[in-house]
Amino acid sequence: MTLHAVIGHEAVRASLSTAFDAGVLPASLLLHGPRGVGKQHLALWIARMSVCDAPAKGPCDTCGPCRMALNLEHPDIHWYFPLERPKSTSRDRLADALERARHAELAEYRSDPLRPSWSEGLRAIYLGSVTSLRASASKRPSMAEGPVFIVGQAEAMVPQEASPEAANALLKLLEEPPGAARFILTSSEPGLLLPTIRSRTVPLHVPPLSDADVRRFLDDHVEASSGVAKWATDLAQGSPGRALAFLPDGDELGPLEKLRRQAFDIVVAATSREHAAGHVVASRFPPAGARKIIDLFAFVEEWLRDLAATAAGAEEVVFNRDALARLRKHVTAAEIGAVGVTDAFPAVERARQLARANVNPQLVVGGLVRDLRTAMLGQPATGVKA
């Protein structure tokens, strides 16, 4: 199997191809936008255009270099992305172990190119991967005028172990790019990148897709009932990768549906008059591995946003349309006002920062429930039942 075609983004691709044809496409790009909207596939599209024998408003996708690139086999296109740290690997052997893991994952992409943009494991871009990237950049290209290096989810160099070293190593490469090399970074959280990295790349925003594009993508590539496809599209917010991560895998919930339900439990506990509710929810989380729950807080924010919209009578903008009845119930029962919900958002950001610092997840979630309750109901989650 080969990579599926880029979904949508016609205006972005037209601008990129025009710049490429005119010879003014920047050598270092930062594609930023919501997670799962296709930034890495767009980066691979740019890479194909860069090595194509006869590009015309983009890669031809029929010449030999394009076909190799579509199969992720072109020797001058180097794609790096977050990986799980290989177990029981010493620091001096980490780079080789990460390269083996990267090639193994590329092989999996070749056999199954449809991947959700979320995974349940802890992944990062470690110094070893950037060391391998630098080694490749020092070599002469095999076929193309210059190599293309793609660093997907580049923000993963920041919140994880050894990331300052990885980010600084990449920075040195961007400062002195070898020959005709091209660098394409993608990020859904560009603010987490080192300012010096951002200053050495030209940013290009990649917007969400339309619901029609997401639904067409699911209908073309996924075996799902019409009802499930519509449900995933409604929750996707213009992100095909997000839609895929909501879809069930057999009897298993999709990774994002698990997070969405956990986040709803946190918000419900915070609106409950039962003070023990926060302890119950917190106890469902492990006592370690806080970085694995960072994505959870984006869903807590979405539920809070929906609570505020429901309380303000603006139900037409609710994200979680399938939970509208439950939202109305909790707004009424807890007498929640939109202003109180707005005051709760800083508590979520505090919890996110604690998780990045790898604080005990049970403490993080318990503290979050307490702070949310204080903001929304005006009372802390201490003492006995109110």
Protein backbone atom coordinates (compact mmCIF):
# COMPACT_ATOMS: atom_id res chain seq x y z
CA MET A 1 0.00 0.00 0.00
CA THR A 2 1.05 3.61 -0.55
CA LEU A 3 0.25 6.79 1.34
CA HIS A 4 -3.28 8.02 0.79
CA ALA A 5 -3.73 11.30 -1.07
CA VAL A 6 -3.66 14.57 0.83
CA ILE A 7 -7.19 15.41 1.97
CA GLY A 8 -8.31 18.96 1.18
CA HIS A 9 -6.03 21.96 1.82
CA GLU A 10 -6.29 22.97 -1.83
CA ALA A 11 -5.52 26.64 -1.15
CA VAL A 12 -2.47 25.79 0.98
CA ARG A 13 -1.12 23.40 -1.65
CA ALA A 14 -1.70 25.93 -4.42
CA SER A 15 0.35 28.53 -2.51
CA LEU A 16 3.12 26.03 -1.83
CA SER A 17 3.35 24.85 -5.43
CA THR A 18 3.36 28.43 -6.73
CA ALA A 19 6.25 29.30 -4.40
CA PHE A 20 8.10 26.11 -5.38
CA ASP A 21 7.69 26.76 -9.11
CA ALA A 22 9.00 30.30 -8.59
CA GLY A 23 11.99 29.01 -6.63
CA VAL A 24 11.03 30.94 -3.48
CA LEU A 25 9.72 28.14 -1.27
CA PRO A 26 11.56 28.57 2.06
CA ALA A 27 14.10 25.88 2.90
CA SER A 28 12.80 25.63 6.47
CA LEU A 29 9.04 25.48 6.99
CA LEU A 30 6.89 25.12 10.11
CA LEU A 31 3.46 23.71 9.31
CA HIS A 32 1.26 24.39 12.32
CA GLY A 33 -2.40 23.83 12.99
CA PRO A 34 -4.80 21.55 14.88
CA ARG A 35 -3.70 18.02 15.52
CA GLY A 36 -4.69 15.41 12.97
CA VAL A 37 -5.61 17.78 10.10
CA GLY A 38 -2.96 16.29 7.82
CA LYS A 39 0.16 18.40 8.45
CA GLN A 40 2.57 15.47 8.14
CA HIS A 41 0.89 14.23 4.97
CA LEU A 42 1.15 17.75 3.61
CA ALA A 43 4.85 17.75 4.54
CA LEU A 44 5.29 14.47 2.65
CA TRP A 45 3.47 16.06 -0.31
CA ILE A 46 6.00 18.91 -0.29
CA ALA A 47 8.80 16.34 -0.09
CA ARG A 48 7.43 14.51 -3.14
CA MET A 49 7.19 17.80 -5.01
CA SER A 50 10.84 18.48 -4.11
CA VAL A 51 12.10 15.20 -5.58
CA CYS A 52 9.61 14.86 -8.46
CA ASP A 53 11.03 14.63 -11.99
CA ALA A 54 8.32 16.88 -13.45
CA PRO A 55 6.34 18.73 -10.77
CA ALA A 56 3.29 20.59 -12.04
CA LYS A 57 1.20 22.29 -9.36
CA GLY A 58 2.56 19.67 -7.00
CA PRO A 59 4.15 16.23 -7.41
CA CYS A 60 3.13 14.20 -10.43
CA ASP A 61 2.89 11.03 -8.27
CA THR A 62 3.68 8.90 -11.32
CA CYS A 63 7.44 9.29 -11.90
CA GLY A 64 9.95 6.95 -10.27
CA PRO A 65 10.93 9.32 -7.42
CA CYS A 66 7.28 10.05 -6.63
CA ARG A 67 6.39 6.36 -6.53
CA MET A 68 9.33 5.69 -4.22
CA ALA A 69 8.22 8.56 -1.99
CA LEU A 70 4.64 7.32 -1.90
CA ASN A 71 6.01 3.99 -0.66
CA LEU A 72 8.18 5.81 1.92
CA GLU A 73 11.25 4.40 0.21
CA HIS A 74 12.91 7.45 -1.33
CA PRO A 75 16.50 7.61 -0.01
CA ASP A 76 16.50 11.42 0.18
CA ILE A 77 13.27 11.85 2.15
CA HIS A 78 13.82 11.39 5.87
CA TRP A 79 10.71 11.37 8.08
CA TYR A 80 11.13 11.61 11.85
CA PHE A 81 8.32 11.50 14.41
CA PRO A 82 7.82 10.78 18.13
CA LEU A 83 8.65 7.25 19.24
CA GLU A 84 8.43 5.28 22.43
CA ARG A 85 11.81 5.06 24.12
CA PRO A 86 13.30 1.59 23.52
CA LYS A 87 13.41 -0.35 26.77
CA SER A 88 16.65 -1.37 28.45
CA THR A 89 18.74 0.69 26.06
CA SER A 90 21.85 2.51 27.23
CA ARG A 91 22.36 6.13 26.24
CA ASP A 92 25.25 5.36 23.89
CA ARG A 93 23.12 2.85 21.96
CA LEU A 94 19.92 4.89 21.98
CA ALA A 95 20.39 6.47 18.54
CA ASP A 96 20.73 3.08 16.82
CA ALA A 97 17.77 1.66 18.76
CA LEU A 98 15.60 4.63 17.82
CA GLU A 99 16.56 4.29 14.15
CA ARG A 100 15.52 0.65 14.20
CA ALA A 101 12.23 1.62 15.84
CA ARG A 102 11.66 4.38 13.27
CA HIS A 103 12.25 2.05 10.33
CA ALA A 104 9.96 -0.55 11.89
CA GLU A 105 7.21 2.04 12.20
CA LEU A 106 7.75 3.20 8.63
CA ALA A 107 7.27 -0.42 7.56
CA GLU A 108 3.98 -0.47 9.47
CA TYR A 109 2.92 2.73 7.71
CA ARG A 110 3.61 1.08 4.37
CA SER A 111 1.26 -1.78 5.19
CA ASP A 112 -1.36 0.36 6.95
CA PRO A 113 -1.08 4.09 6.16
CA LEU A 114 -4.30 5.00 8.00
CA ARG A 115 -3.24 5.87 11.52
CA PRO A 116 -5.04 7.87 14.23
CA SER A 117 -3.18 10.97 15.35
CA TRP A 118 -3.27 9.79 18.96
CA SER A 119 -1.70 6.80 20.69
CA GLU A 120 -1.84 5.63 24.29
CA GLY A 121 1.91 5.24 24.80
CA LEU A 122 4.39 7.91 25.86
CA ARG A 123 6.26 9.16 22.81
CA ALA A 124 8.93 11.77 22.25
CA ILE A 125 11.60 12.93 19.81
CA TYR A 126 14.76 12.05 21.66
CA LEU A 127 18.27 13.34 21.19
CA GLY A 128 19.21 10.03 19.56
CA SER A 129 16.76 10.65 16.70
CA VAL A 130 18.08 14.16 16.08
CA THR A 131 21.63 12.77 16.17
CA SER A 132 20.65 10.34 13.39
CA LEU A 133 19.00 13.18 11.46
CA ARG A 134 22.19 15.25 11.69
CA ALA A 135 24.25 12.29 10.46
CA SER A 136 21.96 11.89 7.43
CA ALA A 137 22.14 15.62 6.72
CA SER A 138 25.94 15.42 6.49
CA LYS A 139 25.78 12.92 3.62
CA ARG A 140 25.39 13.70 -0.07
CA PRO A 141 21.88 13.08 -1.48
CA SER A 142 21.43 9.87 -3.44
CA MET A 143 19.04 10.98 -6.17
CA ALA A 144 17.54 14.41 -5.56
CA GLU A 145 19.16 17.82 -5.66
CA GLY A 146 18.95 17.93 -1.89
CA PRO A 147 17.52 15.84 0.97
CA VAL A 148 14.22 16.61 2.66
CA PHE A 149 13.89 16.20 6.42
CA ILE A 150 10.44 16.06 8.01
CA VAL A 151 10.11 16.35 11.78
CA GLY A 152 6.52 15.54 12.71
CA GLN A 153 5.02 16.73 15.99
CA ALA A 154 8.17 18.74 16.64
CA GLU A 155 6.79 20.00 19.95
CA ALA A 156 7.49 16.51 21.31
CA MET A 157 11.10 17.61 21.64
CA VAL A 158 10.08 19.96 24.47
CA PRO A 159 7.95 18.31 27.16
CA GLN A 160 9.79 15.01 27.21
CA GLU A 161 13.05 13.66 28.58
CA ALA A 162 16.26 15.01 26.99
CA SER A 163 14.22 17.30 24.75
CA PRO A 164 16.22 20.49 25.34
CA GLU A 165 19.26 18.64 23.98
CA ALA A 166 17.24 17.38 21.00
CA ALA A 167 15.80 20.82 20.25
CA ASN A 168 19.20 22.50 20.51
CA ALA A 169 20.78 19.89 18.24
CA LEU A 170 18.09 20.54 15.63
CA LEU A 171 18.55 24.28 16.05
CA LYS A 172 22.22 24.03 15.07
CA LEU A 173 21.19 22.21 11.90
CA LEU A 174 18.61 24.85 11.00
CA GLU A 175 21.17 27.59 11.59
CA GLU A 176 23.60 26.04 9.11
CA PRO A 177 21.58 23.89 6.66
CA PRO A 178 23.80 21.76 4.44
CA GLY A 179 23.62 22.37 0.70
CA ALA A 180 20.13 22.19 -0.81
CA ALA A 181 18.59 20.45 2.18
CA ARG A 182 14.97 21.23 3.02
CA PHE A 183 13.49 21.02 6.53
CA ILE A 184 9.78 20.75 7.27
CA LEU A 185 8.61 20.78 10.88
CA THR A 186 5.01 20.18 11.87
CA SER A 187 3.41 21.11 15.17
CA SER A 188 -0.01 21.41 16.77
CA GLU A 189 1.53 23.36 19.67
CA PRO A 190 4.17 25.65 18.12
CA GLY A 191 4.34 27.68 21.33
CA LEU A 192 6.16 24.75 22.93
CA LEU A 193 9.00 24.95 20.43
CA LEU A 194 12.13 26.88 21.30
CA PRO A 195 11.70 30.51 20.17
CA THR A 196 14.98 30.19 18.28
CA ILE A 197 13.59 27.26 16.28
CA ARG A 198 10.43 29.19 15.45
CA SER A 199 12.53 32.17 14.34
CA ARG A 200 14.49 30.02 11.89
CA THR A 201 11.47 28.53 10.17
CA VAL A 202 8.75 30.15 8.07
CA PRO A 203 5.35 29.40 9.65
CA LEU A 204 2.41 28.26 7.56
CA HIS A 205 -0.97 27.63 9.17
CA VAL A 206 -2.80 24.46 8.14
CA PRO A 207 -6.49 24.90 9.00
CA PRO A 208 -9.11 22.29 9.89
CA LEU A 209 -10.96 20.61 7.06
CA SER A 210 -14.66 20.89 6.41
CA ASP A 211 -17.00 18.26 7.85
CA ALA A 212 -17.73 17.20 4.29
CA ASP A 213 -14.04 16.49 3.65
CA VAL A 214 -13.72 14.49 6.87
CA ARG A 215 -16.83 12.47 6.12
CA ARG A 216 -15.64 11.80 2.57
CA PHE A 217 -12.31 10.60 3.96
CA LEU A 218 -14.05 8.16 6.33
CA ASP A 219 -16.40 6.91 3.64
CA ASP A 220 -13.47 6.30 1.27
CA HIS A 221 -11.03 4.68 3.71
CA VAL A 222 -12.85 3.22 6.71
CA GLU A 223 -15.41 0.47 7.13
CA ALA A 224 -17.91 2.06 9.48
CA SER A 225 -21.67 2.37 9.54
CA SER A 226 -23.19 5.64 8.41
CA GLY A 227 -24.20 6.46 11.98
CA VAL A 228 -20.72 5.83 13.40
CA ALA A 229 -19.08 7.79 10.58
CA LYS A 230 -21.37 10.76 11.22
CA TRP A 231 -20.69 10.57 14.98
CA ALA A 232 -16.92 10.54 14.41
CA THR A 233 -17.21 13.39 11.91
CA ASP A 234 -19.20 15.49 14.38
CA LEU A 235 -16.48 15.01 17.00
CA ALA A 236 -13.57 15.44 14.58
CA GLN A 237 -13.57 19.25 14.48
CA GLY A 238 -12.18 19.15 10.97
CA SER A 239 -9.45 16.59 11.75
CA PRO A 240 -9.41 13.23 9.93
CA GLY A 241 -6.79 11.94 12.38
CA ARG A 242 -9.06 12.87 15.26
CA ALA A 243 -12.01 11.13 13.59
CA LEU A 244 -9.96 7.93 13.21
CA ALA A 245 -9.00 8.05 16.89
CA PHE A 246 -12.65 8.12 17.94
CA LEU A 247 -13.60 5.04 15.93
CA PRO A 248 -13.80 1.78 17.90
CA ASP A 249 -11.35 -1.03 17.27
CA GLY A 250 -13.60 -4.07 17.49
CA ASP A 251 -15.02 -4.05 21.01
CA GLU A 252 -12.41 -1.54 22.21
CA LEU A 253 -13.18 2.16 22.42
CA GLY A 254 -11.03 4.42 20.31
CA PRO A 255 -8.23 6.18 22.23
CA LEU A 256 -9.91 9.58 22.03
CA GLU A 257 -13.29 8.23 23.12
CA LYS A 258 -11.58 6.83 26.23
CA LEU A 259 -10.08 10.23 26.97
CA ARG A 260 -13.37 12.02 26.30
CA ARG A 261 -15.20 9.80 28.78
CA GLN A 262 -12.49 10.21 31.42
CA ALA A 263 -12.62 13.98 30.98
CA PHE A 264 -16.40 13.99 31.34
CA ASP A 265 -16.10 12.04 34.60
CA ILE A 266 -13.73 14.72 35.91
CA VAL A 267 -16.14 17.53 35.03
CA VAL A 268 -19.11 15.67 36.50
CA ALA A 269 -17.18 15.07 39.72
CA ALA A 270 -16.37 18.78 39.89
CA THR A 271 -20.05 19.71 39.57
CA SER A 272 -21.15 17.15 42.17
CA ARG A 273 -22.07 18.13 45.72
CA GLU A 274 -20.56 14.83 46.80
CA HIS A 275 -17.05 15.78 47.85
CA ALA A 276 -15.87 12.16 47.63
CA ALA A 277 -16.57 12.17 43.89
CA GLY A 278 -13.19 13.72 43.15
CA HIS A 279 -11.35 11.06 45.14
CA VAL A 280 -13.25 8.32 43.29
CA VAL A 281 -12.34 9.72 39.87
CA ALA A 282 -8.70 10.32 40.85
CA SER A 283 -8.33 6.76 42.13
CA ARG A 284 -9.06 5.44 38.62
CA PHE A 285 -5.75 6.85 37.39
CA PRO A 286 -2.36 5.22 37.96
CA PRO A 287 0.01 6.69 40.56
CA ALA A 288 2.71 7.34 37.92
CA GLY A 289 3.12 8.27 34.25
CA ALA A 290 1.47 11.69 34.31
CA ARG A 291 2.79 12.64 30.87
CA LYS A 292 0.55 9.97 29.38
CA ILE A 293 -2.56 11.91 30.43
CA ILE A 294 -1.59 15.32 29.02
CA ASP A 295 -4.05 14.93 26.12
CA LEU A 296 -6.82 14.40 28.67
CA PHE A 297 -6.88 18.06 29.62
CA ALA A 298 -7.82 19.24 26.15
CA PHE A 299 -11.01 17.21 26.54
CA VAL A 300 -11.66 18.66 29.98
CA GLU A 301 -11.45 22.10 28.34
CA GLU A 302 -13.88 21.02 25.62
CA TRP A 303 -16.40 19.81 28.20
CA LEU A 304 -16.03 23.07 30.13
CA ARG A 305 -16.57 25.01 26.94
CA ASP A 306 -19.72 22.99 26.29
CA LEU A 307 -20.94 23.57 29.84
CA ALA A 308 -20.46 27.31 29.40
CA ALA A 309 -22.26 27.28 26.03
CA THR A 310 -25.14 25.29 27.50
CA ALA A 311 -25.39 27.58 30.53
CA ALA A 312 -25.39 30.61 28.23
CA GLY A 313 -28.10 29.18 26.00
CA ALA A 314 -25.73 28.80 23.03
CA GLU A 315 -26.26 25.09 22.46
CA GLU A 316 -25.72 25.43 18.72
CA VAL A 317 -21.95 25.72 19.29
CA VAL A 318 -21.60 22.69 21.59
CA PHE A 319 -18.86 20.30 20.45
CA ASN A 320 -20.20 17.15 22.12
CA ARG A 321 -23.61 17.15 20.48
CA ASP A 322 -24.27 13.56 21.51
CA ALA A 323 -24.07 14.61 25.19
CA LEU A 324 -26.31 17.68 25.04
CA ALA A 325 -28.98 16.17 27.28
CA ARG A 326 -26.39 15.31 29.94
CA LEU A 327 -24.90 18.79 29.72
CA ARG A 328 -28.31 20.37 30.33
CA LYS A 329 -28.85 18.06 33.29
CA HIS A 330 -25.58 19.00 35.01
CA VAL A 331 -25.97 22.71 34.31
CA THR A 332 -29.42 22.68 35.89
CA ALA A 333 -28.64 20.38 38.82
CA ALA A 334 -25.46 22.25 39.84
CA GLU A 335 -26.82 25.69 38.96
CA ILE A 336 -23.76 26.38 36.84
CA GLY A 337 -23.24 29.81 35.32
CA ALA A 338 -21.18 30.58 32.25
CA VAL A 339 -18.94 33.00 34.17
CA GLY A 340 -18.00 30.37 36.75
CA VAL A 341 -17.05 27.92 34.01
CA THR A 342 -14.84 30.54 32.39
CA ASP A 343 -13.01 30.98 35.69
CA ALA A 344 -12.26 27.24 35.73
CA PHE A 345 -9.97 27.17 32.68
CA PRO A 346 -6.79 28.30 34.51
CA ALA A 347 -7.16 25.23 36.74
CA VAL A 348 -6.91 22.98 33.68
CA GLU A 349 -3.72 24.68 32.53
CA ARG A 350 -2.21 24.24 36.01
CA ALA A 351 -3.04 20.54 35.87
CA ARG A 352 -1.47 20.28 32.41
CA GLN A 353 1.76 21.84 33.65
CA LEU A 354 1.85 19.49 36.65
CA ALA A 355 1.41 16.53 34.32
CA ARG A 356 4.27 17.74 32.15
CA ALA A 357 6.34 17.86 35.34
CA ASN A 358 5.37 14.20 35.89
CA VAL A 359 3.53 14.76 39.17
CA ASN A 360 1.48 11.81 40.47
CA PRO A 361 -1.59 11.61 38.17
CA GLN A 362 -3.92 10.88 41.08
CA LEU A 363 -2.81 14.07 42.80
CA VAL A 364 -3.11 16.03 39.57
CA VAL A 365 -6.65 14.85 38.86
CA GLY A 366 -7.76 15.19 42.48
CA GLY A 367 -6.44 18.74 42.60
CA LEU A 368 -8.07 19.55 39.28
CA VAL A 369 -11.50 18.40 40.49
CA ARG A 370 -11.06 20.52 43.63
CA ASP A 371 -10.06 23.62 41.69
CA LEU A 372 -12.83 23.20 39.12
CA ARG A 373 -15.41 22.87 41.88
CA THR A 374 -14.09 25.98 43.60
CA ALA A 375 -14.37 27.99 40.37
CA MET A 376 -17.76 26.70 39.24
CA LEU A 377 -19.60 26.14 42.52
CA GLY A 378 -17.71 28.50 44.78
CA GLN A 379 -16.72 25.80 47.25
CA PRO A 380 -13.62 23.63 47.69
CA ALA A 381 -13.74 19.85 47.66
CA THR A 382 -12.69 19.49 51.29
CA GLY A 383 -14.53 18.51 54.41
CA VAL A 384 -17.73 16.46 54.52
CA LYS A 385 -20.70 16.19 52.22
CA ALA A 386 -22.40 19.54 51.67
